[in-house]
């Protein structure tokens, strides 16, 4: 079992930045892929970004150039640095580790 706790969400104006964090605990030795998904109101959950234990990253086209995913394996933490935010980025952001999910953190971008 892996437990994931997200933090860093909140309200930000368009053009602003936020940094999300996700702390993993439990059977962390088994974690390869960590990342972030998001679900906007009335929409399906979608991939934002992932990172492997070796540092390989993958991004949704909608966030490339604006969001950066990083990982501290020593701290068992994954981060999502979000810049140039728009109202379209408003969503609940979920941390994932392999097949485990966090409970999500809300990001609201005002226009």
PDB file of N, CA and C in Angstrom:
ATOM      1  N   UNK A   1       0.829  -1.191   0.000  1.00  0.00           N
ATOM      2  CA  UNK A   1       0.000   0.000   0.000  1.00  0.00           C
ATOM      3  C   UNK A   1       0.873   1.254   0.000  1.00  0.00           C
ATOM      4  N   UNK A   2       0.398   2.240  -0.726  1.00  0.00           N
ATOM      5  CA  UNK A   2       1.071   3.532  -0.791  1.00  0.00           C
ATOM      6  C   UNK A   2       0.054   4.611  -0.447  1.00  0.00           C
ATOM      7  N   UNK A   3       0.437   5.508   0.423  1.00  0.00           N
ATOM      8  CA  UNK A   3      -0.423   6.646   0.768  1.00  0.00           C
ATOM      9  C   UNK A   3       0.171   7.912   0.144  1.00  0.00           C
ATOM     10  N   UNK A   4      -0.700   8.713  -0.431  1.00  0.00           N
ATOM     11  CA  UNK A   4      -0.280   9.938  -1.112  1.00  0.00           C
ATOM     12  C   UNK A   4      -1.047  11.115  -0.543  1.00  0.00           C
ATOM     13  N   UNK A   5      -0.331  12.178  -0.213  1.00  0.00           N
ATOM     14  CA  UNK A   5      -0.964  13.380   0.330  1.00  0.00           C
ATOM     15  C   UNK A   5      -0.492  14.582  -0.483  1.00  0.00           C
ATOM     16  N   UNK A   6      -1.452  15.220  -1.139  1.00  0.00           N
ATOM     17  CA  UNK A   6      -1.144  16.399  -1.948  1.00  0.00           C
ATOM     18  C   UNK A   6      -1.263  17.667  -1.121  1.00  0.00           C
ATOM     19  N   UNK A   7      -0.532  18.685  -1.533  1.00  0.00           N
ATOM     20  CA  UNK A   7      -0.644  19.997  -0.906  1.00  0.00           C
ATOM     21  C   UNK A   7      -0.242  21.057  -1.931  1.00  0.00           C
ATOM     22  N   UNK A   8      -0.585  22.302  -1.626  1.00  0.00           N
ATOM     23  CA  UNK A   8      -0.165  23.407  -2.476  1.00  0.00           C
ATOM     24  C   UNK A   8      -1.244  23.998  -3.356  1.00  0.00           C
ATOM     25  N   UNK A   9      -2.413  23.399  -3.361  1.00  0.00           N
ATOM     26  CA  UNK A   9      -3.486  23.957  -4.164  1.00  0.00           C
ATOM     27  C   UNK A   9      -4.012  25.250  -3.562  1.00  0.00           C
ATOM     28  N   UNK A  10      -4.836  25.939  -4.322  1.00  0.00           N
ATOM     29  CA  UNK A  10      -5.408  27.173  -3.832  1.00  0.00           C
ATOM     30  C   UNK A  10      -5.942  28.032  -4.950  1.00  0.00           C
ATOM     31  N   UNK A  11      -6.188  29.278  -4.628  1.00  0.00           N
ATOM     32  CA  UNK A  11      -6.730  30.246  -5.579  1.00  0.00           C
ATOM     33  C   UNK A  11      -5.605  31.142  -6.074  1.00  0.00           C
ATOM     34  N   UNK A  12      -5.532  31.314  -7.383  1.00  0.00           N
ATOM     35  CA  UNK A  12      -4.501  32.145  -7.975  1.00  0.00           C
ATOM     36  C   UNK A  12      -5.100  32.893  -9.159  1.00  0.00           C
ATOM     37  N   UNK A  13      -4.580  34.058  -9.438  1.00  0.00           N
ATOM     38  CA  UNK A  13      -5.053  34.822 -10.594  1.00  0.00           C
ATOM     39  C   UNK A  13      -4.413  34.290 -11.875  1.00  0.00           C
ATOM     40  N   UNK A  14      -5.098  34.507 -12.955  1.00  0.00           N
ATOM     41  CA  UNK A  14      -4.561  34.113 -14.252  1.00  0.00           C
ATOM     42  C   UNK A  14      -3.189  34.747 -14.465  1.00  0.00           C
ATOM     43  N   UNK A  15      -2.290  33.947 -14.989  1.00  0.00           N
ATOM     44  CA  UNK A  15      -0.911  34.391 -15.180  1.00  0.00           C
ATOM     45  C   UNK A  15      -0.010  34.065 -14.016  1.00  0.00           C
ATOM     46  N   UNK A  16      -0.592  33.644 -12.925  1.00  0.00           N
ATOM     47  CA  UNK A  16       0.178  33.341 -11.732  1.00  0.00           C
ATOM     48  C   UNK A  16       0.755  31.940 -11.729  1.00  0.00           C
ATOM     49  N   UNK A  17       1.357  31.585 -10.603  1.00  0.00           N
ATOM     50  CA  UNK A  17       2.034  30.301 -10.461  1.00  0.00           C
ATOM     51  C   UNK A  17       1.628  29.630  -9.159  1.00  0.00           C
ATOM     52  N   UNK A  18       1.720  28.320  -9.171  1.00  0.00           N
ATOM     53  CA  UNK A  18       1.514  27.514  -7.972  1.00  0.00           C
ATOM     54  C   UNK A  18       2.447  26.326  -8.037  1.00  0.00           C
ATOM     55  N   UNK A  19       2.795  25.808  -6.873  1.00  0.00           N
ATOM     56  CA  UNK A  19       3.613  24.604  -6.810  1.00  0.00           C
ATOM     57  C   UNK A  19       2.880  23.575  -5.970  1.00  0.00           C
ATOM     58  N   UNK A  20       2.570  22.463  -6.585  1.00  0.00           N
ATOM     59  CA  UNK A  20       1.944  21.357  -5.880  1.00  0.00           C
ATOM     60  C   UNK A  20       3.004  20.384  -5.404  1.00  0.00           C
ATOM     61  N   UNK A  21       2.734  19.780  -4.253  1.00  0.00           N
ATOM     62  CA  UNK A  21       3.609  18.743  -3.715  1.00  0.00           C
ATOM     63  C   UNK A  21       2.784  17.514  -3.401  1.00  0.00           C
ATOM     64  N   UNK A  22       3.419  16.374  -3.464  1.00  0.00           N
ATOM     65  CA  UNK A  22       2.766  15.117  -3.115  1.00  0.00           C
ATOM     66  C   UNK A  22       3.769  14.252  -2.367  1.00  0.00           C
ATOM     67  N   UNK A  23       3.436  13.964  -1.119  1.00  0.00           N
ATOM     68  CA  UNK A  23       4.299  13.128  -0.285  1.00  0.00           C
ATOM     69  C   UNK A  23       3.787  11.695  -0.285  1.00  0.00           C
ATOM     70  N   UNK A  24       4.678  10.768  -0.557  1.00  0.00           N
ATOM     71  CA  UNK A  24       4.322   9.355  -0.587  1.00  0.00           C
ATOM     72  C   UNK A  24       4.865   8.651   0.647  1.00  0.00           C
ATOM     73  N   UNK A  25       4.081   7.713   1.151  1.00  0.00           N
ATOM     74  CA  UNK A  25       4.514   6.900   2.285  1.00  0.00           C
ATOM     75  C   UNK A  25       3.963   5.501   2.103  1.00  0.00           C
ATOM     76  N   UNK A  26       4.490   4.576   2.894  1.00  0.00           N
ATOM     77  CA  UNK A  26       4.053   3.193   2.787  1.00  0.00           C
ATOM     78  C   UNK A  26       5.059   2.376   2.010  1.00  0.00           C
ATOM     79  N   UNK A  27       4.586   1.572   1.082  1.00  0.00           N
ATOM     80  CA  UNK A  27       5.459   0.671   0.302  1.00  0.00           C
ATOM     81  C   UNK A  27       6.109   1.427  -0.836  1.00  0.00           C
ATOM     82  N   UNK A  28       6.868   2.441  -0.481  1.00  0.00           N
ATOM     83  CA  UNK A  28       7.412   3.355  -1.475  1.00  0.00           C
ATOM     84  C   UNK A  28       8.533   2.740  -2.300  1.00  0.00           C
ATOM     85  N   UNK A  29       9.110   1.624  -1.840  1.00  0.00           N
ATOM     86  CA  UNK A  29      10.200   1.016  -2.582  1.00  0.00           C
ATOM     87  C   UNK A  29       9.731   0.504  -3.926  1.00  0.00           C
ATOM     88  N   UNK A  30       8.402   0.322  -4.065  1.00  0.00           N
ATOM     89  CA  UNK A  30       7.848  -0.243  -5.294  1.00  0.00           C
ATOM     90  C   UNK A  30       7.449   0.819  -6.306  1.00  0.00           C
ATOM     91  N   UNK A  31       7.602   2.081  -5.958  1.00  0.00           N
ATOM     92  CA  UNK A  31       7.118   3.148  -6.827  1.00  0.00           C
ATOM     93  C   UNK A  31       8.065   3.379  -7.996  1.00  0.00           C
ATOM     94  N   UNK A  32       7.534   3.323  -9.207  1.00  0.00           N
ATOM     95  CA  UNK A  32       8.306   3.703 -10.382  1.00  0.00           C
ATOM     96  C   UNK A  32       7.785   5.036 -10.907  1.00  0.00           C
ATOM     97  N   UNK A  33       6.558   5.009 -11.398  1.00  0.00           N
ATOM     98  CA  UNK A  33       5.993   6.217 -11.981  1.00  0.00           C
ATOM     99  C   UNK A  33       5.217   7.011 -10.934  1.00  0.00           C
ATOM    100  N   UNK A  34       5.477   8.316 -10.891  1.00  0.00           N
ATOM    101  CA  UNK A  34       4.678   9.252 -10.110  1.00  0.00           C
ATOM    102  C   UNK A  34       4.222  10.350 -11.052  1.00  0.00           C
ATOM    103  N   UNK A  35       3.145  10.999 -10.674  1.00  0.00           N
ATOM    104  CA  UNK A  35       2.685  12.051 -11.558  1.00  0.00           C
ATOM    105  C   UNK A  35       1.429  12.725 -11.075  1.00  0.00           C
ATOM    106  N   UNK A  36       0.828  13.447 -12.003  1.00  0.00           N
ATOM    107  CA  UNK A  36      -0.352  14.246 -11.699  1.00  0.00           C
ATOM    108  C   UNK A  36      -1.400  14.080 -12.799  1.00  0.00           C
ATOM    109  N   UNK A  37      -2.628  13.934 -12.346  1.00  0.00           N
ATOM    110  CA  UNK A  37      -3.790  14.021 -13.202  1.00  0.00           C
ATOM    111  C   UNK A  37      -4.639  15.175 -12.688  1.00  0.00           C
ATOM    112  N   UNK A  38      -5.597  15.595 -13.497  1.00  0.00           N
ATOM    113  CA  UNK A  38      -6.527  16.618 -13.042  1.00  0.00           C
ATOM    114  C   UNK A  38      -7.914  16.349 -13.600  1.00  0.00           C
ATOM    115  N   UNK A  39      -8.902  16.871 -12.881  1.00  0.00           N
ATOM    116  CA  UNK A  39     -10.285  16.754 -13.320  1.00  0.00           C
ATOM    117  C   UNK A  39     -10.974  18.085 -13.123  1.00  0.00           C
ATOM    118  N   UNK A  40     -11.339  18.685 -14.230  1.00  0.00           N
ATOM    119  CA  UNK A  40     -12.064  19.949 -14.199  1.00  0.00           C
ATOM    120  C   UNK A  40     -13.560  19.677 -14.029  1.00  0.00           C
ATOM    121  N   UNK A  41     -14.304  20.645 -13.544  1.00  0.00           N
ATOM    122  CA  UNK A  41     -15.753  20.444 -13.356  1.00  0.00           C
ATOM    123  C   UNK A  41     -16.432  20.013 -14.654  1.00  0.00           C
ATOM    124  N   UNK A  42     -17.165  18.919 -14.576  1.00  0.00           N
ATOM    125  CA  UNK A  42     -17.906  18.440 -15.731  1.00  0.00           C
ATOM    126  C   UNK A  42     -17.069  17.748 -16.787  1.00  0.00           C
ATOM    127  N   UNK A  43     -15.799  17.522 -16.509  1.00  0.00           N
ATOM    128  CA  UNK A  43     -14.925  16.904 -17.501  1.00  0.00           C
ATOM    129  C   UNK A  43     -14.306  15.626 -16.947  1.00  0.00           C
ATOM    130  N   UNK A  44     -13.765  14.838 -17.868  1.00  0.00           N
ATOM    131  CA  UNK A  44     -13.107  13.611 -17.457  1.00  0.00           C
ATOM    132  C   UNK A  44     -11.724  13.911 -16.872  1.00  0.00           C
ATOM    133  N   UNK A  45     -11.267  12.979 -16.046  1.00  0.00           N
ATOM    134  CA  UNK A  45      -9.932  13.105 -15.498  1.00  0.00           C
ATOM    135  C   UNK A  45      -8.915  12.955 -16.620  1.00  0.00           C
ATOM    136  N   UNK A  46      -7.868  13.780 -16.602  1.00  0.00           N
ATOM    137  CA  UNK A  46      -6.878  13.742 -17.666  1.00  0.00           C
ATOM    138  C   UNK A  46      -5.468  13.791 -17.101  1.00  0.00           C
ATOM    139  N   UNK A  47      -4.554  13.225 -17.863  1.00  0.00           N
ATOM    140  CA  UNK A  47      -3.147  13.228 -17.493  1.00  0.00           C
ATOM    141  C   UNK A  47      -2.594  14.640 -17.584  1.00  0.00           C
ATOM    142  N   UNK A  48      -1.788  15.014 -16.605  1.00  0.00           N
ATOM    143  CA  UNK A  48      -1.072  16.282 -16.658  1.00  0.00           C
ATOM    144  C   UNK A  48       0.401  16.015 -16.944  1.00  0.00           C
ATOM    145  N   UNK A  49       1.029  15.227 -16.082  1.00  0.00           N
ATOM    146  CA  UNK A  49       2.448  14.940 -16.257  1.00  0.00           C
ATOM    147  C   UNK A  49       2.830  13.731 -15.427  1.00  0.00           C
ATOM    148  N   UNK A  50       3.844  13.007 -15.899  1.00  0.00           N
ATOM    149  CA  UNK A  50       4.379  11.895 -15.143  1.00  0.00           C
ATOM    150  C   UNK A  50       5.898  11.944 -15.157  1.00  0.00           C
ATOM    151  N   UNK A  51       6.481  11.265 -14.178  1.00  0.00           N
ATOM    152  CA  UNK A  51       7.932  11.175 -14.099  1.00  0.00           C
ATOM    153  C   UNK A  51       8.296   9.803 -13.545  1.00  0.00           C
ATOM    154  N   UNK A  52       9.280   9.173 -14.159  1.00  0.00           N
ATOM    155  CA  UNK A  52       9.712   7.864 -13.683  1.00  0.00           C
ATOM    156  C   UNK A  52      10.775   8.027 -12.600  1.00  0.00           C
ATOM    157  N   UNK A  53      11.106   6.920 -11.964  1.00  0.00           N
ATOM    158  CA  UNK A  53      12.143   6.973 -10.931  1.00  0.00           C
ATOM    159  C   UNK A  53      13.484   7.391 -11.518  1.00  0.00           C
ATOM    160  N   UNK A  54      13.659   7.188 -12.812  1.00  0.00           N
ATOM    161  CA  UNK A  54      14.893   7.592 -13.482  1.00  0.00           C
ATOM    162  C   UNK A  54      14.876   9.013 -13.987  1.00  0.00           C
ATOM    163  N   UNK A  55      13.739   9.686 -13.836  1.00  0.00           N
ATOM    164  CA  UNK A  55      13.662  11.089 -14.223  1.00  0.00           C
ATOM    165  C   UNK A  55      13.085  11.366 -15.593  1.00  0.00           C
ATOM    166  N   UNK A  56      12.604  10.337 -16.280  1.00  0.00           N
ATOM    167  CA  UNK A  56      11.970  10.570 -17.577  1.00  0.00           C
ATOM    168  C   UNK A  56      10.589  11.176 -17.371  1.00  0.00           C
ATOM    169  N   UNK A  57      10.305  12.222 -18.125  1.00  0.00           N
ATOM    170  CA  UNK A  57       9.052  12.950 -17.944  1.00  0.00           C
ATOM    171  C   UNK A  57       8.162  12.872 -19.171  1.00  0.00           C
ATOM    172  N   UNK A  58       6.886  13.075 -18.919  1.00  0.00           N
ATOM    173  CA  UNK A  58       5.891  13.103 -19.984  1.00  0.00           C
ATOM    174  C   UNK A  58       4.850  14.148 -19.600  1.00  0.00           C
ATOM    175  N   UNK A  59       4.436  14.974 -20.587  1.00  0.00           N
ATOM    176  CA  UNK A  59       3.495  16.050 -20.313  1.00  0.00           C
ATOM    177  C   UNK A  59       2.327  16.019 -21.286  1.00  0.00           C
ATOM    178  N   UNK A  60       1.183  16.449 -20.806  1.00  0.00           N
ATOM    179  CA  UNK A  60       0.070  16.703 -21.700  1.00  0.00           C
ATOM    180  C   UNK A  60       0.426  17.909 -22.565  1.00  0.00           C
ATOM    181  N   UNK A  61      -0.037  17.902 -23.796  1.00  0.00           N
ATOM    182  CA  UNK A  61       0.273  19.013 -24.702  1.00  0.00           C
ATOM    183  C   UNK A  61      -0.200  20.350 -24.125  1.00  0.00           C
ATOM    184  N   UNK A  62      -1.299  20.323 -23.398  1.00  0.00           N
ATOM    185  CA  UNK A  62      -1.892  21.554 -22.885  1.00  0.00           C
ATOM    186  C   UNK A  62      -1.048  22.245 -21.818  1.00  0.00           C
ATOM    187  N   UNK A  63      -0.090  21.522 -21.245  1.00  0.00           N
ATOM    188  CA  UNK A  63       0.722  22.113 -20.172  1.00  0.00           C
ATOM    189  C   UNK A  63       2.197  22.215 -20.526  1.00  0.00           C
ATOM    190  N   UNK A  64       2.585  21.676 -21.672  1.00  0.00           N
ATOM    191  CA  UNK A  64       3.998  21.733 -22.069  1.00  0.00           C
ATOM    192  C   UNK A  64       4.478  23.169 -22.139  1.00  0.00           C
ATOM    193  N   UNK A  65       5.640  23.402 -21.553  1.00  0.00           N
ATOM    194  CA  UNK A  65       6.204  24.752 -21.546  1.00  0.00           C
ATOM    195  C   UNK A  65       5.733  25.608 -20.387  1.00  0.00           C
ATOM    196  N   UNK A  66       4.689  25.159 -19.701  1.00  0.00           N
ATOM    197  CA  UNK A  66       4.160  25.926 -18.559  1.00  0.00           C
ATOM    198  C   UNK A  66       4.322  25.188 -17.235  1.00  0.00           C
ATOM    199  N   UNK A  67       4.198  23.888 -17.258  1.00  0.00           N
ATOM    200  CA  UNK A  67       4.282  23.076 -16.045  1.00  0.00           C
ATOM    201  C   UNK A  67       5.583  22.270 -16.061  1.00  0.00           C
ATOM    202  N   UNK A  68       6.137  22.073 -14.882  1.00  0.00           N
ATOM    203  CA  UNK A  68       7.340  21.251 -14.750  1.00  0.00           C
ATOM    204  C   UNK A  68       7.145  20.258 -13.612  1.00  0.00           C
ATOM    205  N   UNK A  69       7.329  19.002 -13.916  1.00  0.00           N
ATOM    206  CA  UNK A  69       7.246  17.967 -12.891  1.00  0.00           C
ATOM    207  C   UNK A  69       8.655  17.608 -12.456  1.00  0.00           C
ATOM    208  N   UNK A  70       8.800  17.392 -11.165  1.00  0.00           N
ATOM    209  CA  UNK A  70      10.093  16.973 -10.628  1.00  0.00           C
ATOM    210  C   UNK A  70       9.865  16.024  -9.469  1.00  0.00           C
ATOM    211  N   UNK A  71      10.944  15.411  -9.050  1.00  0.00           N
ATOM    212  CA  UNK A  71      10.793  14.351  -8.050  1.00  0.00           C
ATOM    213  C   UNK A  71      12.030  14.320  -7.177  1.00  0.00           C
ATOM    214  N   UNK A  72      11.806  14.158  -5.892  1.00  0.00           N
ATOM    215  CA  UNK A  72      12.887  13.971  -4.938  1.00  0.00           C
ATOM    216  C   UNK A  72      12.750  12.563  -4.384  1.00  0.00           C
ATOM    217  N   UNK A  73      13.521  11.640  -4.909  1.00  0.00           N
ATOM    218  CA  UNK A  73      13.394  10.247  -4.491  1.00  0.00           C
ATOM    219  C   UNK A  73      13.780  10.056  -3.025  1.00  0.00           C
ATOM    220  N   UNK A  74      14.688  10.870  -2.534  1.00  0.00           N
ATOM    221  CA  UNK A  74      15.103  10.753  -1.129  1.00  0.00           C
ATOM    222  C   UNK A  74      13.962  11.140  -0.187  1.00  0.00           C
ATOM    223  N   UNK A  75      13.141  12.083  -0.618  1.00  0.00           N
ATOM    224  CA  UNK A  75      12.013  12.536   0.202  1.00  0.00           C
ATOM    225  C   UNK A  75      10.705  11.873  -0.195  1.00  0.00           C
ATOM    226  N   UNK A  76      10.749  11.043  -1.239  1.00  0.00           N
ATOM    227  CA  UNK A  76       9.531  10.394  -1.721  1.00  0.00           C
ATOM    228  C   UNK A  76       8.450  11.408  -2.035  1.00  0.00           C
ATOM    229  N   UNK A  77       8.862  12.455  -2.707  1.00  0.00           N
ATOM    230  CA  UNK A  77       7.959  13.553  -3.019  1.00  0.00           C
ATOM    231  C   UNK A  77       8.029  13.889  -4.503  1.00  0.00           C
ATOM    232  N   UNK A  78       6.876  14.184  -5.061  1.00  0.00           N
ATOM    233  CA  UNK A  78       6.811  14.660  -6.444  1.00  0.00           C
ATOM    234  C   UNK A  78       6.202  16.048  -6.424  1.00  0.00           C
ATOM    235  N   UNK A  79       6.692  16.900  -7.310  1.00  0.00           N
ATOM    236  CA  UNK A  79       6.253  18.291  -7.361  1.00  0.00           C
ATOM    237  C   UNK A  79       5.685  18.599  -8.744  1.00  0.00           C
ATOM    238  N   UNK A  80       4.834  19.606  -8.775  1.00  0.00           N
ATOM    239  CA  UNK A  80       4.350  20.118 -10.047  1.00  0.00           C
ATOM    240  C   UNK A  80       4.405  21.637  -9.959  1.00  0.00           C
ATOM    241  N   UNK A  81       5.367  22.218 -10.650  1.00  0.00           N
ATOM    242  CA  UNK A  81       5.467  23.663 -10.720  1.00  0.00           C
ATOM    243  C   UNK A  81       4.627  24.143 -11.894  1.00  0.00           C
ATOM    244  N   UNK A  82       3.649  24.979 -11.600  1.00  0.00           N
ATOM    245  CA  UNK A  82       2.708  25.442 -12.615  1.00  0.00           C
ATOM    246  C   UNK A  82       2.878  26.949 -12.791  1.00  0.00           C
ATOM    247  N   UNK A  83       3.096  27.374 -14.015  1.00  0.00           N
ATOM    248  CA  UNK A  83       3.250  28.790 -14.321  1.00  0.00           C
ATOM    249  C   UNK A  83       2.291  29.188 -15.429  1.00  0.00           C
ATOM    250  N   UNK A  84       2.146  30.486 -15.627  1.00  0.00           N
ATOM    251  CA  UNK A  84       1.259  31.024 -16.671  1.00  0.00           C
ATOM    252  C   UNK A  84      -0.116  30.373 -16.615  1.00  0.00           C
ATOM    253  N   UNK A  85      -0.645  30.272 -15.423  1.00  0.00           N
ATOM    254  CA  UNK A  85      -1.924  29.585 -15.228  1.00  0.00           C
ATOM    255  C   UNK A  85      -3.067  30.353 -15.888  1.00  0.00           C
ATOM    256  N   UNK A  86      -4.018  29.606 -16.395  1.00  0.00           N
ATOM    257  CA  UNK A  86      -5.223  30.181 -16.984  1.00  0.00           C
ATOM    258  C   UNK A  86      -6.440  29.551 -16.309  1.00  0.00           C
ATOM    259  N   UNK A  87      -7.615  30.158 -16.473  1.00  0.00           N
ATOM    260  CA  UNK A  87      -8.821  29.549 -15.898  1.00  0.00           C
ATOM    261  C   UNK A  87      -9.047  28.124 -16.389  1.00  0.00           C
ATOM    262  N   UNK A  88      -8.532  27.783 -17.556  1.00  0.00           N
ATOM    263  CA  UNK A  88      -8.675  26.425 -18.073  1.00  0.00           C
ATOM    264  C   UNK A  88      -7.923  25.403 -17.233  1.00  0.00           C
ATOM    265  N   UNK A  89      -7.004  25.859 -16.407  1.00  0.00           N
ATOM    266  CA  UNK A  89      -6.259  24.956 -15.535  1.00  0.00           C
ATOM    267  C   UNK A  89      -6.989  24.687 -14.221  1.00  0.00           C
ATOM    268  N   UNK A  90      -8.112  25.321 -14.012  1.00  0.00           N
ATOM    269  CA  UNK A  90      -8.898  25.082 -12.808  1.00  0.00           C
ATOM    270  C   UNK A  90      -9.363  23.628 -12.776  1.00  0.00           C
ATOM    271  N   UNK A  91      -9.033  22.946 -11.687  1.00  0.00           N
ATOM    272  CA  UNK A  91      -9.362  21.528 -11.577  1.00  0.00           C
ATOM    273  C   UNK A  91      -8.924  21.024 -10.213  1.00  0.00           C
ATOM    274  N   UNK A  92      -9.370  19.816  -9.905  1.00  0.00           N
ATOM    275  CA  UNK A  92      -8.795  19.087  -8.785  1.00  0.00           C
ATOM    276  C   UNK A  92      -7.612  18.313  -9.334  1.00  0.00           C
ATOM    277  N   UNK A  93      -6.472  18.475  -8.719  1.00  0.00           N
ATOM    278  CA  UNK A  93      -5.239  17.830  -9.169  1.00  0.00           C
ATOM    279  C   UNK A  93      -4.953  16.635  -8.257  1.00  0.00           C
ATOM    280  N   UNK A  94      -4.771  15.494  -8.894  1.00  0.00           N
ATOM    281  CA  UNK A  94      -4.543  14.248  -8.170  1.00  0.00           C
ATOM    282  C   UNK A  94      -3.131  13.750  -8.393  1.00  0.00           C
ATOM    283  N   UNK A  95      -2.495  13.355  -7.318  1.00  0.00           N
ATOM    284  CA  UNK A  95      -1.183  12.729  -7.395  1.00  0.00           C
ATOM    285  C   UNK A  95      -1.367  11.233  -7.611  1.00  0.00           C
ATOM    286  N   UNK A  96      -0.491  10.654  -8.421  1.00  0.00           N
ATOM    287  CA  UNK A  96      -0.514   9.212  -8.628  1.00  0.00           C
ATOM    288  C   UNK A  96       0.877   8.646  -8.412  1.00  0.00           C
ATOM    289  N   UNK A  97       0.925   7.414  -7.928  1.00  0.00           N
ATOM    290  CA  UNK A  97       2.168   6.660  -7.782  1.00  0.00           C
ATOM    291  C   UNK A  97       1.856   5.227  -8.166  1.00  0.00           C
ATOM    292  N   UNK A  98       2.420   4.806  -9.293  1.00  0.00           N
ATOM    293  CA  UNK A  98       2.009   3.519  -9.886  1.00  0.00           C
ATOM    294  C   UNK A  98       0.478   3.525 -10.032  1.00  0.00           C
ATOM    295  N   UNK A  99      -0.219   2.652  -9.341  1.00  0.00           N
ATOM    296  CA  UNK A  99      -1.679   2.584  -9.479  1.00  0.00           C
ATOM    297  C   UNK A  99      -2.409   3.226  -8.308  1.00  0.00           C
ATOM    298  N   UNK A 100      -1.678   3.912  -7.430  1.00  0.00           N
ATOM    299  CA  UNK A 100      -2.286   4.535  -6.267  1.00  0.00           C
ATOM    300  C   UNK A 100      -2.605   6.003  -6.562  1.00  0.00           C
ATOM    301  N   UNK A 101      -3.664   6.472  -5.902  1.00  0.00           N
ATOM    302  CA  UNK A 101      -4.131   7.834  -6.110  1.00  0.00           C
ATOM    303  C   UNK A 101      -4.238   8.572  -4.783  1.00  0.00           C
ATOM    304  N   UNK A 102      -3.914   9.881  -4.829  1.00  0.00           N
ATOM    305  CA  UNK A 102      -4.194  10.726  -3.692  1.00  0.00           C
ATOM    306  C   UNK A 102      -5.632  11.205  -3.739  1.00  0.00           C
ATOM    307  N   UNK A 103      -6.015  12.005  -2.738  1.00  0.00           N
ATOM    308  CA  UNK A 103      -7.394  12.478  -2.665  1.00  0.00           C
ATOM    309  C   UNK A 103      -7.617  13.757  -3.445  1.00  0.00           C
ATOM    310  N   UNK A 104      -6.549  14.402  -3.867  1.00  0.00           N
ATOM    311  CA  UNK A 104      -6.659  15.581  -4.707  1.00  0.00           C
ATOM    312  C   UNK A 104      -6.533  16.885  -3.948  1.00  0.00           C
ATOM    313  N   UNK A 105      -6.117  17.896  -4.699  1.00  0.00           N
ATOM    314  CA  UNK A 105      -6.037  19.254  -4.173  1.00  0.00           C
ATOM    315  C   UNK A 105      -6.602  20.197  -5.227  1.00  0.00           C
ATOM    316  N   UNK A 106      -7.423  21.129  -4.792  1.00  0.00           N
ATOM    317  CA  UNK A 106      -8.128  22.000  -5.720  1.00  0.00           C
ATOM    318  C   UNK A 106      -7.270  23.194  -6.115  1.00  0.00           C
ATOM    319  N   UNK A 107      -7.198  23.415  -7.409  1.00  0.00           N
ATOM    320  CA  UNK A 107      -6.548  24.603  -7.966  1.00  0.00           C
ATOM    321  C   UNK A 107      -7.607  25.417  -8.688  1.00  0.00           C
ATOM    322  N   UNK A 108      -7.749  26.661  -8.286  1.00  0.00           N
ATOM    323  CA  UNK A 108      -8.715  27.554  -8.920  1.00  0.00           C
ATOM    324  C   UNK A 108      -7.976  28.753  -9.477  1.00  0.00           C
ATOM    325  N   UNK A 109      -8.151  28.989 -10.761  1.00  0.00           N
ATOM    326  CA  UNK A 109      -7.497  30.119 -11.422  1.00  0.00           C
ATOM    327  C   UNK A 109      -8.571  31.118 -11.818  1.00  0.00           C
ATOM    328  N   UNK A 110      -8.479  32.304 -11.271  1.00  0.00           N
ATOM    329  CA  UNK A 110      -9.481  33.334 -11.560  1.00  0.00           C
ATOM    330  C   UNK A 110      -9.011  34.204 -12.726  1.00  0.00           C
ATOM    331  N   UNK A 111      -9.992  34.700 -13.473  1.00  0.00           N
ATOM    332  CA  UNK A 111      -9.658  35.530 -14.648  1.00  0.00           C
ATOM    333  C   UNK A 111      -9.540  36.989 -14.281  1.00  0.00           C
TER     334      UNK A 111
END
